[in-house]
Amino acid sequence: MTLFEYLAIAFGLLYSVAALRVLGGLPASMARDRRYSLHLLLSLVLLMLIALSFWTFWSLKDVDWTFPGFLLALLIPGLLYYCAAVLMPENPESVASWRDYYWAMRRRWYGGLALWGVGAAASASVNLGMALHHPARIVHVTSFTIGVIGMATSNPRAHAVIVTLLCLLALGGATGAHMQPGWLAR
C-alpha cells in the first residue's frame, strides 16, 4: 500500500463521518412542521462540498508528504466535519425549530466555511505549490468571503442570497468540466 492510499483511508473516514452527520439529520430537518429552507439547502450544499472536496483529494496523490503538509491537508476534512457537526446537532430530533437553530448556529457554521477557505488555500500552497492565479483560488477566496459575510450579517434576505449563491456554486463545481481526478495539481 502506498502512502497516498494509507492517507486516503484516514481522509475518507473523516469525509464519511461528516457526510453521515449531515445525512443522519436530514429526516429531522425535513419534517414539515419544523423545516427551514435555508438550513435544508445549506445541508445539501455541505454534502456537495464534502463530495467535491473528497474528489479533489486525488490531486494529492503525488505529494512528497511532510507532517506539516499532512496536518494542513487533514484540516480540510476536519473543518468540513466541524461544519457538519454545527449544522446538524447530535440529536436532530430534539430541534423544535430549524429556523431558530439556523440563526443560532450561523456564525459558527459560516466561520467554519471561512476557515475552510483559508485552510484549503494553505494546503494547496504547501502541498501542491499552487500558484496564486490557479482557478481553484476562486473557491478559496469565495469560501472565505461568503463565510465572513455570513457571520457578519443577520439579515434574512442576505442569507437567502448567500445560500442561493452557495447552491449555485456547488452545482457549478459538481458539473464543471474541469473536475477530472487530479485537476488541482495541474
N, C-alpha and C. Protein backbone atom coordinates (compact mmCIF):
# COMPACT_ATOMS: atom_id res chain seq x y z
N MET A 1 0.85 -1.17 0.00
CA MET A 1 0.00 0.00 0.00
C MET A 1 0.90 1.24 0.00
N THR A 2 0.56 2.20 -0.86
CA THR A 2 1.34 3.43 -0.92
C THR A 2 0.92 4.37 0.20
N LEU A 3 1.76 5.36 0.46
CA LEU A 3 1.44 6.36 1.49
C LEU A 3 0.14 7.07 1.14
N PHE A 4 -0.08 7.38 -0.13
CA PHE A 4 -1.31 8.06 -0.53
C PHE A 4 -2.53 7.20 -0.21
N GLU A 5 -2.46 5.91 -0.51
CA GLU A 5 -3.59 5.02 -0.21
C GLU A 5 -3.84 4.94 1.29
N TYR A 6 -2.78 4.90 2.06
CA TYR A 6 -2.89 4.89 3.52
C TYR A 6 -3.58 6.16 4.01
N LEU A 7 -3.14 7.30 3.50
CA LEU A 7 -3.74 8.57 3.89
C LEU A 7 -5.17 8.70 3.39
N ALA A 8 -5.45 8.15 2.21
CA ALA A 8 -6.79 8.23 1.64
C ALA A 8 -7.81 7.53 2.55
N ILE A 9 -7.39 6.50 3.22
CA ILE A 9 -8.29 5.81 4.15
C ILE A 9 -8.65 6.74 5.30
N ALA A 10 -7.65 7.37 5.89
CA ALA A 10 -7.90 8.29 7.01
C ALA A 10 -8.76 9.46 6.57
N PHE A 11 -8.44 10.04 5.42
CA PHE A 11 -9.21 11.17 4.92
C PHE A 11 -10.63 10.73 4.57
N GLY A 12 -10.75 9.56 3.96
CA GLY A 12 -12.06 9.04 3.60
C GLY A 12 -12.95 8.85 4.81
N LEU A 13 -12.35 8.42 5.91
CA LEU A 13 -13.14 8.28 7.14
C LEU A 13 -13.67 9.62 7.64
N LEU A 14 -12.82 10.64 7.60
CA LEU A 14 -13.27 11.98 8.03
C LEU A 14 -14.37 12.51 7.12
N TYR A 15 -14.18 12.37 5.82
CA TYR A 15 -15.23 12.82 4.89
C TYR A 15 -16.52 12.03 5.12
N SER A 16 -16.39 10.74 5.37
CA SER A 16 -17.56 9.89 5.58
C SER A 16 -18.34 10.28 6.83
N VAL A 17 -17.65 10.50 7.93
CA VAL A 17 -18.40 10.86 9.16
C VAL A 17 -19.03 12.23 9.01
N ALA A 18 -18.40 13.13 8.26
CA ALA A 18 -19.02 14.45 8.01
C ALA A 18 -20.30 14.27 7.20
N ALA A 19 -20.22 13.48 6.14
CA ALA A 19 -21.41 13.26 5.30
C ALA A 19 -22.50 12.53 6.08
N LEU A 20 -22.10 11.55 6.88
CA LEU A 20 -23.09 10.81 7.66
C LEU A 20 -23.76 11.69 8.70
N ARG A 21 -23.03 12.62 9.26
CA ARG A 21 -23.61 13.55 10.23
C ARG A 21 -24.74 14.35 9.59
N VAL A 22 -24.48 14.85 8.38
CA VAL A 22 -25.50 15.63 7.66
C VAL A 22 -26.65 14.73 7.22
N LEU A 23 -26.32 13.60 6.60
CA LEU A 23 -27.37 12.69 6.13
C LEU A 23 -28.24 12.18 7.27
N GLY A 24 -27.63 11.92 8.42
CA GLY A 24 -28.40 11.44 9.57
C GLY A 24 -29.40 12.46 10.08
N GLY A 25 -29.12 13.74 9.89
CA GLY A 25 -30.02 14.78 10.36
C GLY A 25 -31.06 15.21 9.35
N LEU A 26 -30.91 14.80 8.10
CA LEU A 26 -31.84 15.25 7.06
C LEU A 26 -33.30 14.89 7.34
N PRO A 27 -33.61 13.66 7.77
CA PRO A 27 -35.03 13.37 8.02
C PRO A 27 -35.66 14.33 9.04
N ALA A 28 -34.95 14.63 10.11
CA ALA A 28 -35.49 15.55 11.12
C ALA A 28 -35.58 16.97 10.58
N SER A 29 -34.60 17.37 9.76
CA SER A 29 -34.61 18.74 9.24
C SER A 29 -35.63 18.92 8.12
N MET A 30 -36.12 17.83 7.57
CA MET A 30 -37.14 17.92 6.53
C MET A 30 -38.56 17.76 7.07
N ALA A 31 -38.68 17.55 8.38
CA ALA A 31 -40.02 17.42 8.98
C ALA A 31 -40.84 18.66 8.65
N ARG A 32 -41.99 18.45 8.09
CA ARG A 32 -42.81 19.53 7.55
C ARG A 32 -43.09 20.65 8.55
N ASP A 33 -43.35 20.33 9.78
CA ASP A 33 -43.72 21.34 10.77
C ASP A 33 -42.51 22.12 11.33
N ARG A 34 -41.29 21.65 11.08
CA ARG A 34 -40.10 22.31 11.63
C ARG A 34 -39.11 22.77 10.56
N ARG A 35 -39.32 22.43 9.34
CA ARG A 35 -38.39 22.67 8.24
C ARG A 35 -38.11 24.16 8.03
N TYR A 36 -36.85 24.45 7.66
CA TYR A 36 -36.46 25.81 7.29
C TYR A 36 -35.62 25.70 6.03
N SER A 37 -36.06 26.34 4.97
CA SER A 37 -35.44 26.13 3.66
C SER A 37 -33.96 26.48 3.63
N LEU A 38 -33.54 27.54 4.32
CA LEU A 38 -32.12 27.90 4.30
C LEU A 38 -31.26 26.82 4.94
N HIS A 39 -31.73 26.25 6.04
CA HIS A 39 -30.99 25.18 6.70
C HIS A 39 -30.93 23.94 5.82
N LEU A 40 -32.05 23.61 5.22
CA LEU A 40 -32.11 22.43 4.37
C LEU A 40 -31.20 22.57 3.15
N LEU A 41 -31.24 23.72 2.50
CA LEU A 41 -30.36 23.97 1.36
C LEU A 41 -28.89 23.98 1.76
N LEU A 42 -28.60 24.56 2.91
CA LEU A 42 -27.21 24.58 3.39
C LEU A 42 -26.73 23.15 3.67
N SER A 43 -27.62 22.29 4.12
CA SER A 43 -27.28 20.88 4.33
C SER A 43 -26.89 20.22 3.01
N LEU A 44 -27.66 20.49 1.96
CA LEU A 44 -27.36 19.91 0.65
C LEU A 44 -26.07 20.48 0.08
N VAL A 45 -25.84 21.77 0.30
CA VAL A 45 -24.58 22.40 -0.14
C VAL A 45 -23.40 21.74 0.57
N LEU A 46 -23.53 21.53 1.85
CA LEU A 46 -22.42 20.92 2.61
C LEU A 46 -22.16 19.50 2.11
N LEU A 47 -23.19 18.74 1.82
CA LEU A 47 -22.98 17.40 1.27
C LEU A 47 -22.22 17.46 -0.05
N MET A 48 -22.58 18.42 -0.89
CA MET A 48 -21.88 18.56 -2.17
C MET A 48 -20.43 19.01 -1.95
N LEU A 49 -20.22 19.91 -1.01
CA LEU A 49 -18.87 20.38 -0.70
C LEU A 49 -18.00 19.23 -0.18
N ILE A 50 -18.57 18.38 0.63
CA ILE A 50 -17.85 17.20 1.13
C ILE A 50 -17.46 16.30 -0.04
N ALA A 51 -18.41 16.04 -0.93
CA ALA A 51 -18.13 15.17 -2.08
C ALA A 51 -17.07 15.80 -3.00
N LEU A 52 -17.20 17.08 -3.28
CA LEU A 52 -16.23 17.76 -4.13
C LEU A 52 -14.84 17.78 -3.50
N SER A 53 -14.79 18.03 -2.21
CA SER A 53 -13.52 18.08 -1.51
C SER A 53 -12.85 16.70 -1.53
N PHE A 54 -13.62 15.67 -1.30
CA PHE A 54 -13.05 14.32 -1.35
C PHE A 54 -12.57 14.00 -2.76
N TRP A 55 -13.32 14.39 -3.76
CA TRP A 55 -12.94 14.16 -5.15
C TRP A 55 -11.60 14.84 -5.47
N THR A 56 -11.43 16.06 -4.98
CA THR A 56 -10.19 16.78 -5.27
C THR A 56 -9.01 16.25 -4.46
N PHE A 57 -9.27 15.41 -3.46
CA PHE A 57 -8.20 14.81 -2.68
C PHE A 57 -7.23 14.03 -3.58
N TRP A 58 -7.74 13.51 -4.69
CA TRP A 58 -6.90 12.76 -5.63
C TRP A 58 -5.72 13.59 -6.11
N SER A 59 -5.87 14.90 -6.11
CA SER A 59 -4.79 15.79 -6.55
C SER A 59 -3.55 15.65 -5.68
N LEU A 60 -3.70 15.09 -4.50
CA LEU A 60 -2.58 14.96 -3.57
C LEU A 60 -1.84 13.63 -3.71
N LYS A 61 -2.15 12.85 -4.73
CA LYS A 61 -1.57 11.51 -4.84
C LYS A 61 -0.06 11.50 -5.06
N ASP A 62 0.49 12.55 -5.65
CA ASP A 62 1.92 12.58 -5.94
C ASP A 62 2.70 13.52 -5.02
N VAL A 63 2.10 13.90 -3.92
CA VAL A 63 2.73 14.84 -2.98
C VAL A 63 3.85 14.14 -2.22
N ASP A 64 4.96 14.85 -2.02
CA ASP A 64 6.01 14.38 -1.12
C ASP A 64 5.62 14.86 0.28
N TRP A 65 5.03 13.99 1.05
CA TRP A 65 4.40 14.37 2.30
C TRP A 65 5.39 14.76 3.38
N THR A 66 5.03 15.79 4.10
CA THR A 66 5.69 16.19 5.34
C THR A 66 4.60 16.23 6.40
N PHE A 67 5.01 16.23 7.65
CA PHE A 67 3.99 16.26 8.70
C PHE A 67 3.20 17.56 8.67
N PRO A 68 3.82 18.74 8.50
CA PRO A 68 3.01 19.97 8.40
C PRO A 68 2.05 19.94 7.20
N GLY A 69 2.50 19.40 6.08
CA GLY A 69 1.64 19.28 4.91
C GLY A 69 0.47 18.34 5.17
N PHE A 70 0.77 17.25 5.87
CA PHE A 70 -0.28 16.30 6.25
C PHE A 70 -1.31 16.99 7.14
N LEU A 71 -0.85 17.74 8.13
CA LEU A 71 -1.78 18.43 9.04
C LEU A 71 -2.64 19.45 8.30
N LEU A 72 -2.03 20.18 7.37
CA LEU A 72 -2.81 21.14 6.59
C LEU A 72 -3.85 20.43 5.73
N ALA A 73 -3.46 19.33 5.12
CA ALA A 73 -4.41 18.58 4.30
C ALA A 73 -5.53 17.99 5.16
N LEU A 74 -5.18 17.51 6.35
CA LEU A 74 -6.17 16.93 7.26
C LEU A 74 -7.14 17.98 7.80
N LEU A 75 -6.69 19.22 7.80
CA LEU A 75 -7.54 20.32 8.25
C LEU A 75 -8.79 20.45 7.37
N ILE A 76 -8.66 20.13 6.10
CA ILE A 76 -9.78 20.30 5.15
C ILE A 76 -10.96 19.42 5.53
N PRO A 77 -10.83 18.09 5.61
CA PRO A 77 -11.99 17.30 6.03
C PRO A 77 -12.35 17.55 7.49
N GLY A 78 -11.37 17.92 8.31
CA GLY A 78 -11.67 18.23 9.71
C GLY A 78 -12.61 19.42 9.84
N LEU A 79 -12.37 20.46 9.05
CA LEU A 79 -13.25 21.63 9.09
C LEU A 79 -14.61 21.33 8.48
N LEU A 80 -14.65 20.45 7.49
CA LEU A 80 -15.95 20.06 6.95
C LEU A 80 -16.74 19.27 7.99
N TYR A 81 -16.05 18.43 8.76
CA TYR A 81 -16.75 17.74 9.85
C TYR A 81 -17.25 18.76 10.89
N TYR A 82 -16.42 19.74 11.21
CA TYR A 82 -16.85 20.79 12.13
C TYR A 82 -18.14 21.45 11.62
N CYS A 83 -18.16 21.80 10.33
CA CYS A 83 -19.35 22.43 9.74
C CYS A 83 -20.56 21.49 9.82
N ALA A 84 -20.32 20.19 9.59
CA ALA A 84 -21.41 19.22 9.67
C ALA A 84 -21.94 19.10 11.10
N ALA A 85 -21.02 19.09 12.08
CA ALA A 85 -21.43 18.98 13.48
C ALA A 85 -22.18 20.22 13.95
N VAL A 86 -21.81 21.37 13.43
CA VAL A 86 -22.52 22.61 13.78
C VAL A 86 -23.89 22.63 13.11
N LEU A 87 -23.95 22.20 11.86
CA LEU A 87 -25.18 22.23 11.09
C LEU A 87 -26.22 21.24 11.60
N MET A 88 -25.74 20.06 12.01
CA MET A 88 -26.64 19.02 12.50
C MET A 88 -26.24 18.63 13.91
N PRO A 89 -27.05 18.98 14.89
CA PRO A 89 -26.70 18.61 16.27
C PRO A 89 -26.72 17.09 16.44
N GLU A 90 -26.15 16.65 17.53
CA GLU A 90 -26.05 15.22 17.78
C GLU A 90 -27.42 14.54 17.80
N ASN A 91 -28.41 15.25 18.29
CA ASN A 91 -29.77 14.71 18.33
C ASN A 91 -30.69 15.65 17.56
N PRO A 92 -30.73 15.52 16.22
CA PRO A 92 -31.51 16.46 15.42
C PRO A 92 -33.02 16.40 15.68
N GLU A 93 -33.50 15.29 16.20
CA GLU A 93 -34.92 15.18 16.51
C GLU A 93 -35.35 16.14 17.61
N SER A 94 -34.38 16.59 18.41
CA SER A 94 -34.70 17.49 19.52
C SER A 94 -34.83 18.95 19.10
N VAL A 95 -34.51 19.25 17.84
CA VAL A 95 -34.61 20.64 17.36
C VAL A 95 -36.08 20.96 17.12
N ALA A 96 -36.59 21.93 17.86
CA ALA A 96 -38.00 22.31 17.75
C ALA A 96 -38.26 23.17 16.51
N SER A 97 -37.29 24.02 16.16
CA SER A 97 -37.44 24.91 15.00
C SER A 97 -36.09 25.01 14.29
N TRP A 98 -36.05 24.54 13.05
CA TRP A 98 -34.81 24.63 12.30
C TRP A 98 -34.50 26.07 11.93
N ARG A 99 -35.51 26.92 11.86
CA ARG A 99 -35.29 28.36 11.62
C ARG A 99 -34.51 28.94 12.79
N ASP A 100 -34.98 28.70 14.00
CA ASP A 100 -34.28 29.20 15.19
C ASP A 100 -32.88 28.61 15.28
N TYR A 101 -32.77 27.33 14.96
CA TYR A 101 -31.47 26.67 15.03
C TYR A 101 -30.50 27.28 14.03
N TYR A 102 -30.96 27.55 12.80
CA TYR A 102 -30.10 28.15 11.78
C TYR A 102 -29.53 29.47 12.28
N TRP A 103 -30.39 30.31 12.82
CA TRP A 103 -29.92 31.63 13.25
C TRP A 103 -29.03 31.54 14.49
N ALA A 104 -29.21 30.51 15.30
CA ALA A 104 -28.36 30.33 16.48
C ALA A 104 -26.97 29.81 16.11
N MET A 105 -26.88 28.99 15.06
CA MET A 105 -25.59 28.37 14.72
C MET A 105 -24.88 29.04 13.56
N ARG A 106 -25.49 30.00 12.90
CA ARG A 106 -24.96 30.53 11.65
C ARG A 106 -23.55 31.08 11.77
N ARG A 107 -23.23 31.78 12.84
CA ARG A 107 -21.88 32.36 12.96
C ARG A 107 -20.82 31.26 13.04
N ARG A 108 -21.11 30.20 13.77
CA ARG A 108 -20.14 29.11 13.85
C ARG A 108 -20.00 28.40 12.51
N TRP A 109 -21.12 28.18 11.81
CA TRP A 109 -21.05 27.48 10.53
C TRP A 109 -20.30 28.30 9.49
N TYR A 110 -20.67 29.56 9.35
CA TYR A 110 -20.01 30.40 8.35
C TYR A 110 -18.55 30.68 8.75
N GLY A 111 -18.27 30.71 10.04
CA GLY A 111 -16.89 30.81 10.48
C GLY A 111 -16.09 29.59 10.05
N GLY A 112 -16.70 28.41 10.17
CA GLY A 112 -16.07 27.18 9.69
C GLY A 112 -15.83 27.21 8.20
N LEU A 113 -16.78 27.75 7.44
CA LEU A 113 -16.61 27.86 5.99
C LEU A 113 -15.46 28.81 5.65
N ALA A 114 -15.38 29.93 6.36
CA ALA A 114 -14.29 30.88 6.13
C ALA A 114 -12.94 30.22 6.44
N LEU A 115 -12.85 29.52 7.56
CA LEU A 115 -11.61 28.82 7.91
C LEU A 115 -11.28 27.73 6.91
N TRP A 116 -12.31 27.07 6.40
CA TRP A 116 -12.09 26.04 5.39
C TRP A 116 -11.44 26.66 4.15
N GLY A 117 -11.92 27.82 3.72
CA GLY A 117 -11.32 28.50 2.57
C GLY A 117 -9.86 28.82 2.80
N VAL A 118 -9.54 29.30 4.01
CA VAL A 118 -8.15 29.61 4.35
C VAL A 118 -7.32 28.32 4.41
N GLY A 119 -7.86 27.30 5.04
CA GLY A 119 -7.14 26.02 5.15
C GLY A 119 -6.91 25.37 3.80
N ALA A 120 -7.92 25.42 2.93
CA ALA A 120 -7.77 24.84 1.60
C ALA A 120 -6.70 25.59 0.80
N ALA A 121 -6.68 26.91 0.95
CA ALA A 121 -5.67 27.71 0.25
C ALA A 121 -4.27 27.38 0.77
N ALA A 122 -4.13 27.28 2.09
CA ALA A 122 -2.83 26.97 2.69
C ALA A 122 -2.36 25.57 2.28
N SER A 123 -3.27 24.60 2.33
CA SER A 123 -2.92 23.24 1.95
C SER A 123 -2.51 23.17 0.48
N ALA A 124 -3.24 23.85 -0.39
CA ALA A 124 -2.90 23.85 -1.81
C ALA A 124 -1.54 24.49 -2.06
N SER A 125 -1.24 25.53 -1.31
CA SER A 125 0.05 26.19 -1.47
C SER A 125 1.19 25.29 -1.01
N VAL A 126 1.04 24.72 0.18
CA VAL A 126 2.11 23.91 0.76
C VAL A 126 2.25 22.56 0.05
N ASN A 127 1.15 21.88 -0.17
CA ASN A 127 1.22 20.52 -0.70
C ASN A 127 1.32 20.44 -2.22
N LEU A 128 0.73 21.41 -2.91
CA LEU A 128 0.73 21.35 -4.37
C LEU A 128 1.57 22.45 -5.01
N GLY A 129 2.04 23.39 -4.21
CA GLY A 129 2.76 24.52 -4.77
C GLY A 129 1.87 25.32 -5.72
N MET A 130 0.58 25.39 -5.40
CA MET A 130 -0.39 26.03 -6.29
C MET A 130 -0.11 27.52 -6.45
N ALA A 131 -0.12 27.96 -7.68
CA ALA A 131 0.09 29.37 -8.00
C ALA A 131 -1.12 30.20 -7.53
N LEU A 132 -0.87 31.46 -7.26
CA LEU A 132 -1.95 32.35 -6.81
C LEU A 132 -3.01 32.56 -7.89
N HIS A 133 -2.66 32.39 -9.15
CA HIS A 133 -3.62 32.61 -10.23
C HIS A 133 -4.35 31.33 -10.66
N HIS A 134 -4.16 30.24 -9.94
CA HIS A 134 -4.85 28.99 -10.27
C HIS A 134 -6.37 29.18 -10.10
N PRO A 135 -7.18 28.59 -10.98
CA PRO A 135 -8.64 28.76 -10.88
C PRO A 135 -9.24 28.31 -9.54
N ALA A 136 -8.61 27.36 -8.86
CA ALA A 136 -9.14 26.90 -7.58
C ALA A 136 -9.09 27.99 -6.51
N ARG A 137 -8.24 28.99 -6.71
CA ARG A 137 -8.16 30.09 -5.75
C ARG A 137 -9.49 30.83 -5.65
N ILE A 138 -10.29 30.77 -6.72
CA ILE A 138 -11.62 31.39 -6.68
C ILE A 138 -12.46 30.72 -5.59
N VAL A 139 -12.36 29.41 -5.47
CA VAL A 139 -13.10 28.67 -4.44
C VAL A 139 -12.61 29.09 -3.06
N HIS A 140 -11.31 29.20 -2.89
CA HIS A 140 -10.75 29.57 -1.59
C HIS A 140 -11.22 30.96 -1.17
N VAL A 141 -11.08 31.92 -2.06
CA VAL A 141 -11.45 33.30 -1.75
C VAL A 141 -12.96 33.43 -1.56
N THR A 142 -13.73 32.76 -2.40
CA THR A 142 -15.19 32.83 -2.30
C THR A 142 -15.67 32.21 -0.99
N SER A 143 -15.11 31.08 -0.60
CA SER A 143 -15.50 30.44 0.66
C SER A 143 -15.20 31.35 1.84
N PHE A 144 -14.02 31.94 1.82
CA PHE A 144 -13.65 32.86 2.90
C PHE A 144 -14.59 34.06 2.93
N THR A 145 -14.83 34.66 1.78
CA THR A 145 -15.66 35.87 1.71
C THR A 145 -17.10 35.59 2.12
N ILE A 146 -17.67 34.52 1.58
CA ILE A 146 -19.05 34.17 1.95
C ILE A 146 -19.12 33.84 3.43
N GLY A 147 -18.11 33.15 3.94
CA GLY A 147 -18.09 32.84 5.37
C GLY A 147 -18.10 34.08 6.24
N VAL A 148 -17.27 35.04 5.90
CA VAL A 148 -17.19 36.29 6.67
C VAL A 148 -18.51 37.05 6.58
N ILE A 149 -19.06 37.14 5.38
CA ILE A 149 -20.34 37.86 5.21
C ILE A 149 -21.45 37.14 5.97
N GLY A 150 -21.48 35.81 5.88
CA GLY A 150 -22.49 35.03 6.60
C GLY A 150 -22.42 35.20 8.10
N MET A 151 -21.19 35.33 8.62
CA MET A 151 -21.02 35.57 10.07
C MET A 151 -21.48 36.98 10.44
N ALA A 152 -21.21 37.93 9.57
CA ALA A 152 -21.40 39.34 9.91
C ALA A 152 -22.84 39.81 9.82
N THR A 153 -23.63 39.20 8.97
CA THR A 153 -24.99 39.71 8.77
C THR A 153 -26.03 38.80 9.41
N SER A 154 -27.08 39.43 9.88
CA SER A 154 -28.22 38.67 10.42
C SER A 154 -29.48 38.99 9.63
N ASN A 155 -29.29 39.51 8.43
CA ASN A 155 -30.40 39.87 7.56
C ASN A 155 -30.90 38.62 6.83
N PRO A 156 -32.17 38.25 7.02
CA PRO A 156 -32.69 37.04 6.35
C PRO A 156 -32.59 37.09 4.83
N ARG A 157 -32.80 38.25 4.23
CA ARG A 157 -32.69 38.34 2.77
C ARG A 157 -31.26 38.13 2.31
N ALA A 158 -30.32 38.69 3.06
CA ALA A 158 -28.91 38.49 2.72
C ALA A 158 -28.55 37.01 2.81
N HIS A 159 -29.07 36.33 3.83
CA HIS A 159 -28.78 34.90 3.97
C HIS A 159 -29.45 34.09 2.87
N ALA A 160 -30.61 34.52 2.42
CA ALA A 160 -31.24 33.83 1.29
C ALA A 160 -30.36 33.95 0.05
N VAL A 161 -29.78 35.11 -0.17
CA VAL A 161 -28.87 35.32 -1.30
C VAL A 161 -27.61 34.47 -1.11
N ILE A 162 -27.05 34.47 0.09
CA ILE A 162 -25.83 33.72 0.37
C ILE A 162 -26.05 32.23 0.11
N VAL A 163 -27.13 31.67 0.65
CA VAL A 163 -27.38 30.24 0.48
C VAL A 163 -27.68 29.91 -0.98
N THR A 164 -28.40 30.77 -1.67
CA THR A 164 -28.67 30.57 -3.10
C THR A 164 -27.35 30.58 -3.88
N LEU A 165 -26.49 31.53 -3.57
CA LEU A 165 -25.18 31.60 -4.23
C LEU A 165 -24.37 30.34 -3.95
N LEU A 166 -24.38 29.86 -2.71
CA LEU A 166 -23.66 28.63 -2.37
C LEU A 166 -24.22 27.44 -3.15
N CYS A 167 -25.54 27.39 -3.31
CA CYS A 167 -26.16 26.31 -4.09
C CYS A 167 -25.68 26.35 -5.54
N LEU A 168 -25.67 27.54 -6.11
CA LEU A 168 -25.23 27.68 -7.50
C LEU A 168 -23.75 27.34 -7.66
N LEU A 169 -22.94 27.75 -6.70
CA LEU A 169 -21.51 27.44 -6.76
C LEU A 169 -21.27 25.93 -6.62
N ALA A 170 -21.98 25.29 -5.72
CA ALA A 170 -21.83 23.84 -5.53
C ALA A 170 -22.27 23.09 -6.78
N LEU A 171 -23.38 23.53 -7.35
CA LEU A 171 -23.86 22.91 -8.58
C LEU A 171 -22.88 23.12 -9.72
N GLY A 172 -22.35 24.34 -9.83
CA GLY A 172 -21.35 24.62 -10.86
C GLY A 172 -20.09 23.80 -10.66
N GLY A 173 -19.65 23.65 -9.41
CA GLY A 173 -18.48 22.84 -9.13
C GLY A 173 -18.69 21.38 -9.47
N ALA A 174 -19.89 20.89 -9.22
CA ALA A 174 -20.18 19.48 -9.47
C ALA A 174 -20.32 19.17 -10.95
N THR A 175 -20.71 20.16 -11.73
CA THR A 175 -20.91 19.92 -13.16
C THR A 175 -19.80 20.47 -14.03
N GLY A 176 -18.79 21.05 -13.40
CA GLY A 176 -17.69 21.65 -14.16
C GLY A 176 -16.90 20.63 -14.94
N ALA A 177 -16.54 20.99 -16.13
CA ALA A 177 -15.76 20.10 -17.00
C ALA A 177 -14.35 19.88 -16.47
N HIS A 178 -13.88 20.79 -15.63
CA HIS A 178 -12.52 20.69 -15.09
C HIS A 178 -12.41 19.68 -13.95
N MET A 179 -13.49 19.07 -13.56
CA MET A 179 -13.46 18.20 -12.39
C MET A 179 -12.97 16.80 -12.71
N GLN A 180 -11.84 16.71 -13.35
CA GLN A 180 -11.19 15.44 -13.60
C GLN A 180 -10.33 15.10 -12.40
N PRO A 181 -10.08 13.82 -12.12
CA PRO A 181 -9.23 13.47 -10.99
C PRO A 181 -7.86 14.16 -11.13
N GLY A 182 -7.43 14.78 -10.06
CA GLY A 182 -6.11 15.39 -10.03
C GLY A 182 -6.03 16.77 -10.66
N TRP A 183 -7.14 17.39 -11.01
CA TRP A 183 -7.10 18.68 -11.73
C TRP A 183 -6.43 19.77 -10.92
N LEU A 184 -6.49 19.71 -9.60
CA LEU A 184 -5.87 20.74 -8.79
C LEU A 184 -4.36 20.76 -8.94
N ALA A 185 -3.78 19.61 -9.16
CA ALA A 185 -2.32 19.52 -9.25
C ALA A 185 -1.79 20.00 -10.59
N ARG A 186 -2.68 20.19 -11.54
CA ARG A 186 -2.22 20.63 -12.88
C ARG A 186 -2.05 22.12 -12.95
